[in-house]
């Protein structure tokens, strides 16, 4: 006598009990393997949420360094024959102490480059705005620090005092 259930043929003869046990064991192994795979692939959603939440890397805290001495210079091209001067106090910002340490180490070279930069400015053009001068100052500083082969660089330059007369 043969009976068919779920595409598995079960026959009742002398060795039928051992075949049933083998089939039941195979089905149990497959069920456990399928459940384990489902668990690892998507069963634990909290593990995948932790990975996606940790993906955005938080920026480090900014570190500011204030250059103690102000930059004081005259303009290479005076405005309408009048002698004009400029004084700038600045701070730099980085997110790595190594960058600030490199800035301090190379401060004499940075001051030299910035004095040349500031001296070469046109008084009349600076009265319109200083954003370009701020960007150029940042680029000059990072150019000097480029020789250090550091992974990061100075991120911002802030003019804390800017006087022209």
C-alpha atoms as a PDB file:
ATOM      1  CA  UNK A   1       0.000   0.000   0.000  1.00  0.00           C
ATOM      2  CA  UNK A   2       1.472   3.331  -1.019  1.00  0.00           C
ATOM      3  CA  UNK A   3       0.472   6.729   0.206  1.00  0.00           C
ATOM      4  CA  UNK A   4       1.698  10.034  -1.282  1.00  0.00           C
ATOM      5  CA  UNK A   5       2.031  13.205   0.809  1.00  0.00           C
ATOM      6  CA  UNK A   6       3.783  16.386  -0.223  1.00  0.00           C
ATOM      7  CA  UNK A   7       5.691  14.750  -3.058  1.00  0.00           C
ATOM      8  CA  UNK A   8       7.155  12.165  -0.665  1.00  0.00           C
ATOM      9  CA  UNK A   9       6.152   8.594  -1.183  1.00  0.00           C
ATOM     10  CA  UNK A  10       5.756   6.629   1.992  1.00  0.00           C
ATOM     11  CA  UNK A  11       5.458   2.886   1.672  1.00  0.00           C
ATOM     12  CA  UNK A  12       4.647   0.518   4.439  1.00  0.00           C
ATOM     13  CA  UNK A  13       6.820  -2.485   4.189  1.00  0.00           C
ATOM     14  CA  UNK A  14       9.495  -4.003   6.380  1.00  0.00           C
ATOM     15  CA  UNK A  15      12.024  -1.115   6.158  1.00  0.00           C
ATOM     16  CA  UNK A  16       9.451   1.707   6.196  1.00  0.00           C
ATOM     17  CA  UNK A  17      10.206   2.948   9.699  1.00  0.00           C
ATOM     18  CA  UNK A  18      13.873   3.585   8.963  1.00  0.00           C
ATOM     19  CA  UNK A  19      13.017   5.454   5.760  1.00  0.00           C
ATOM     20  CA  UNK A  20      10.539   7.613   7.684  1.00  0.00           C
ATOM     21  CA  UNK A  21      13.195   8.471  10.225  1.00  0.00           C
ATOM     22  CA  UNK A  22      15.676   9.414   7.496  1.00  0.00           C
ATOM     23  CA  UNK A  23      13.129  11.611   5.731  1.00  0.00           C
ATOM     24  CA  UNK A  24      12.048  13.281   8.979  1.00  0.00           C
ATOM     25  CA  UNK A  25      15.692  13.918   9.905  1.00  0.00           C
ATOM     26  CA  UNK A  26      16.406  15.371   6.443  1.00  0.00           C
ATOM     27  CA  UNK A  27      13.373  17.658   6.656  1.00  0.00           C
ATOM     28  CA  UNK A  28      14.407  18.788  10.151  1.00  0.00           C
ATOM     29  CA  UNK A  29      17.966  19.545   9.002  1.00  0.00           C
ATOM     30  CA  UNK A  30      16.662  21.524   6.024  1.00  0.00           C
ATOM     31  CA  UNK A  31      14.243  23.448   8.236  1.00  0.00           C
ATOM     32  CA  UNK A  32      16.977  24.329  10.713  1.00  0.00           C
ATOM     33  CA  UNK A  33      19.349  25.336   7.917  1.00  0.00           C
ATOM     34  CA  UNK A  34      16.693  27.518   6.299  1.00  0.00           C
ATOM     35  CA  UNK A  35      15.813  29.154   9.627  1.00  0.00           C
ATOM     36  CA  UNK A  36      19.469  29.825  10.387  1.00  0.00           C
ATOM     37  CA  UNK A  37      19.988  31.381   6.978  1.00  0.00           C
ATOM     38  CA  UNK A  38      16.933  33.589   7.427  1.00  0.00           C
ATOM     39  CA  UNK A  39      18.247  34.686  10.812  1.00  0.00           C
ATOM     40  CA  UNK A  40      21.670  35.618   9.445  1.00  0.00           C
ATOM     41  CA  UNK A  41      20.362  37.286   6.297  1.00  0.00           C
ATOM     42  CA  UNK A  42      17.618  39.365   7.784  1.00  0.00           C
ATOM     43  CA  UNK A  43      16.177  37.898  10.912  1.00  0.00           C
ATOM     44  CA  UNK A  44      17.985  40.251  13.292  1.00  0.00           C
ATOM     45  CA  UNK A  45      17.092  43.737  12.131  1.00  0.00           C
ATOM     46  CA  UNK A  46      18.637  45.458  15.125  1.00  0.00           C
ATOM     47  CA  UNK A  47      22.128  44.398  13.993  1.00  0.00           C
ATOM     48  CA  UNK A  48      21.634  45.964  10.565  1.00  0.00           C
ATOM     49  CA  UNK A  49      20.219  49.137  12.125  1.00  0.00           C
ATOM     50  CA  UNK A  50      23.326  49.495  14.276  1.00  0.00           C
ATOM     51  CA  UNK A  51      25.530  49.233  11.198  1.00  0.00           C
ATOM     52  CA  UNK A  52      23.601  51.880   9.271  1.00  0.00           C
ATOM     53  CA  UNK A  53      23.459  54.215  12.280  1.00  0.00           C
ATOM     54  CA  UNK A  54      27.206  53.925  12.851  1.00  0.00           C
ATOM     55  CA  UNK A  55      28.011  54.615   9.191  1.00  0.00           C
ATOM     56  CA  UNK A  56      28.113  58.443   9.439  1.00  0.00           C
ATOM     57  CA  UNK A  57      31.415  59.236  11.111  1.00  0.00           C
ATOM     58  CA  UNK A  58      31.192  62.025  13.653  1.00  0.00           C
ATOM     59  CA  UNK A  59      33.631  64.851  13.098  1.00  0.00           C
ATOM     60  CA  UNK A  60      36.223  65.467  15.742  1.00  0.00           C
ATOM     61  CA  UNK A  61      35.959  68.523  17.941  1.00  0.00           C
ATOM     62  CA  UNK A  62      37.483  71.627  16.349  1.00  0.00           C
ATOM     63  CA  UNK A  63      40.800  72.854  17.732  1.00  0.00           C
ATOM     64  CA  UNK A  64      41.504  76.578  17.429  1.00  0.00           C
ATOM     65  CA  UNK A  65      44.886  78.219  17.526  1.00  0.00           C
ATOM     66  CA  UNK A  66      45.321  81.967  17.802  1.00  0.00           C
ATOM     67  CA  UNK A  67      48.371  83.578  16.225  1.00  0.00           C
ATOM     68  CA  UNK A  68      49.615  85.868  18.996  1.00  0.00           C
ATOM     69  CA  UNK A  69      51.200  88.612  16.910  1.00  0.00           C
ATOM     70  CA  UNK A  70      49.041  90.558  14.479  1.00  0.00           C
ATOM     71  CA  UNK A  71      50.097  90.913  10.857  1.00  0.00           C
ATOM     72  CA  UNK A  72      50.794  94.569  10.149  1.00  0.00           C
ATOM     73  CA  UNK A  73      51.736  95.654   6.664  1.00  0.00           C
ATOM     74  CA  UNK A  74      51.409  98.474   4.208  1.00  0.00           C
ATOM     75  CA  UNK A  75      50.005  97.978   0.718  1.00  0.00           C
ATOM     76  CA  UNK A  76      52.308  97.603  -2.259  1.00  0.00           C
ATOM     77  CA  UNK A  77      49.889  99.750  -4.281  1.00  0.00           C
ATOM     78  CA  UNK A  78      48.733 102.689  -2.206  1.00  0.00           C
ATOM     79  CA  UNK A  79      45.270 104.104  -2.731  1.00  0.00           C
ATOM     80  CA  UNK A  80      45.297 107.516  -4.428  1.00  0.00           C
ATOM     81  CA  UNK A  81      48.798 108.260  -3.195  1.00  0.00           C
ATOM     82  CA  UNK A  82      47.851 107.985   0.478  1.00  0.00           C
ATOM     83  CA  UNK A  83      49.873 105.638   2.664  1.00  0.00           C
ATOM     84  CA  UNK A  84      47.583 102.832   3.840  1.00  0.00           C
ATOM     85  CA  UNK A  85      48.172 100.109   6.410  1.00  0.00           C
ATOM     86  CA  UNK A  86      46.448  96.872   7.304  1.00  0.00           C
ATOM     87  CA  UNK A  87      46.449  94.903  10.550  1.00  0.00           C
ATOM     88  CA  UNK A  88      45.039  91.369  10.744  1.00  0.00           C
ATOM     89  CA  UNK A  89      44.723  89.077  13.738  1.00  0.00           C
ATOM     90  CA  UNK A  90      43.806  85.539  12.876  1.00  0.00           C
ATOM     91  CA  UNK A  91      42.921  82.130  14.251  1.00  0.00           C
ATOM     92  CA  UNK A  92      43.098  78.807  12.475  1.00  0.00           C
ATOM     93  CA  UNK A  93      40.925  75.749  12.980  1.00  0.00           C
ATOM     94  CA  UNK A  94      41.750  72.082  12.511  1.00  0.00           C
ATOM     95  CA  UNK A  95      40.314  68.871  13.903  1.00  0.00           C
ATOM     96  CA  UNK A  96      43.627  67.157  14.590  1.00  0.00           C
ATOM     97  CA  UNK A  97      46.229  68.229  17.134  1.00  0.00           C
ATOM     98  CA  UNK A  98      49.016  67.116  14.751  1.00  0.00           C
ATOM     99  CA  UNK A  99      47.918  69.795  12.302  1.00  0.00           C
ATOM    100  CA  UNK A 100      47.984  72.493  14.982  1.00  0.00           C
ATOM    101  CA  UNK A 101      51.421  71.300  16.114  1.00  0.00           C
ATOM    102  CA  UNK A 102      52.695  71.447  12.517  1.00  0.00           C
ATOM    103  CA  UNK A 103      51.213  74.944  12.180  1.00  0.00           C
ATOM    104  CA  UNK A 104      53.095  76.078  15.308  1.00  0.00           C
ATOM    105  CA  UNK A 105      56.318  74.475  14.080  1.00  0.00           C
ATOM    106  CA  UNK A 106      56.145  76.214  10.691  1.00  0.00           C
ATOM    107  CA  UNK A 107      54.779  79.510  12.005  1.00  0.00           C
ATOM    108  CA  UNK A 108      57.827  81.563  10.873  1.00  0.00           C
ATOM    109  CA  UNK A 109      57.445  80.310   7.287  1.00  0.00           C
ATOM    110  CA  UNK A 110      53.674  80.820   7.417  1.00  0.00           C
ATOM    111  CA  UNK A 111      54.089  84.368   8.752  1.00  0.00           C
ATOM    112  CA  UNK A 112      56.525  85.143   5.939  1.00  0.00           C
ATOM    113  CA  UNK A 113      54.159  83.873   3.258  1.00  0.00           C
ATOM    114  CA  UNK A 114      51.185  85.698   4.753  1.00  0.00           C
ATOM    115  CA  UNK A 115      53.045  89.006   5.078  1.00  0.00           C
ATOM    116  CA  UNK A 116      53.957  88.796   1.393  1.00  0.00           C
ATOM    117  CA  UNK A 117      50.343  87.950   0.566  1.00  0.00           C
ATOM    118  CA  UNK A 118      48.927  90.808   2.640  1.00  0.00           C
ATOM    119  CA  UNK A 119      51.479  93.321   1.326  1.00  0.00           C
ATOM    120  CA  UNK A 120      50.523  92.486  -2.252  1.00  0.00           C
ATOM    121  CA  UNK A 121      46.844  93.340  -1.729  1.00  0.00           C
ATOM    122  CA  UNK A 122      45.131  96.361  -3.198  1.00  0.00           C
ATOM    123  CA  UNK A 123      43.488  98.632  -0.653  1.00  0.00           C
ATOM    124  CA  UNK A 124      40.607  99.572  -2.941  1.00  0.00           C
ATOM    125  CA  UNK A 125      39.787  95.927  -3.727  1.00  0.00           C
ATOM    126  CA  UNK A 126      39.815  94.912  -0.057  1.00  0.00           C
ATOM    127  CA  UNK A 127      37.262  97.550   0.860  1.00  0.00           C
ATOM    128  CA  UNK A 128      34.769  95.549  -1.252  1.00  0.00           C
ATOM    129  CA  UNK A 129      35.222  92.380   0.840  1.00  0.00           C
ATOM    130  CA  UNK A 130      37.693  90.037   2.453  1.00  0.00           C
ATOM    131  CA  UNK A 131      36.269  86.583   1.655  1.00  0.00           C
ATOM    132  CA  UNK A 132      38.741  86.028  -1.195  1.00  0.00           C
ATOM    133  CA  UNK A 133      41.634  87.092   1.026  1.00  0.00           C
ATOM    134  CA  UNK A 134      40.449  84.650   3.682  1.00  0.00           C
ATOM    135  CA  UNK A 135      40.376  81.763   1.164  1.00  0.00           C
ATOM    136  CA  UNK A 136      43.784  82.710  -0.225  1.00  0.00           C
ATOM    137  CA  UNK A 137      45.190  82.860   3.316  1.00  0.00           C
ATOM    138  CA  UNK A 138      43.898  79.343   3.996  1.00  0.00           C
ATOM    139  CA  UNK A 139      45.444  78.063   0.761  1.00  0.00           C
ATOM    140  CA  UNK A 140      48.819  79.680   1.569  1.00  0.00           C
ATOM    141  CA  UNK A 141      48.896  78.089   5.030  1.00  0.00           C
ATOM    142  CA  UNK A 142      48.012  74.650   3.681  1.00  0.00           C
ATOM    143  CA  UNK A 143      50.647  75.013   0.944  1.00  0.00           C
ATOM    144  CA  UNK A 144      53.329  75.516   3.603  1.00  0.00           C
ATOM    145  CA  UNK A 145      51.990  72.558   5.625  1.00  0.00           C
ATOM    146  CA  UNK A 146      51.809  70.350   2.533  1.00  0.00           C
ATOM    147  CA  UNK A 147      55.486  69.441   2.985  1.00  0.00           C
ATOM    148  CA  UNK A 148      54.577  67.641   6.233  1.00  0.00           C
ATOM    149  CA  UNK A 149      52.529  64.987   4.378  1.00  0.00           C
ATOM    150  CA  UNK A 150      49.821  65.109   7.042  1.00  0.00           C
ATOM    151  CA  UNK A 151      46.501  63.318   6.439  1.00  0.00           C
ATOM    152  CA  UNK A 152      44.441  66.443   7.202  1.00  0.00           C
ATOM    153  CA  UNK A 153      44.925  70.171   6.876  1.00  0.00           C
ATOM    154  CA  UNK A 154      43.830  73.475   8.363  1.00  0.00           C
ATOM    155  CA  UNK A 155      40.093  73.668   7.694  1.00  0.00           C
ATOM    156  CA  UNK A 156      39.407  77.348   8.313  1.00  0.00           C
ATOM    157  CA  UNK A 157      41.013  80.710   8.882  1.00  0.00           C
ATOM    158  CA  UNK A 158      39.193  83.359  10.885  1.00  0.00           C
ATOM    159  CA  UNK A 159      40.100  87.030  10.908  1.00  0.00           C
ATOM    160  CA  UNK A 160      39.448  88.014  14.519  1.00  0.00           C
ATOM    161  CA  UNK A 161      40.538  91.589  13.875  1.00  0.00           C
ATOM    162  CA  UNK A 162      40.837  93.339  10.522  1.00  0.00           C
ATOM    163  CA  UNK A 163      41.841  96.991  10.416  1.00  0.00           C
ATOM    164  CA  UNK A 164      42.619  99.115   7.378  1.00  0.00           C
ATOM    165  CA  UNK A 165      43.548 102.791   7.497  1.00  0.00           C
END
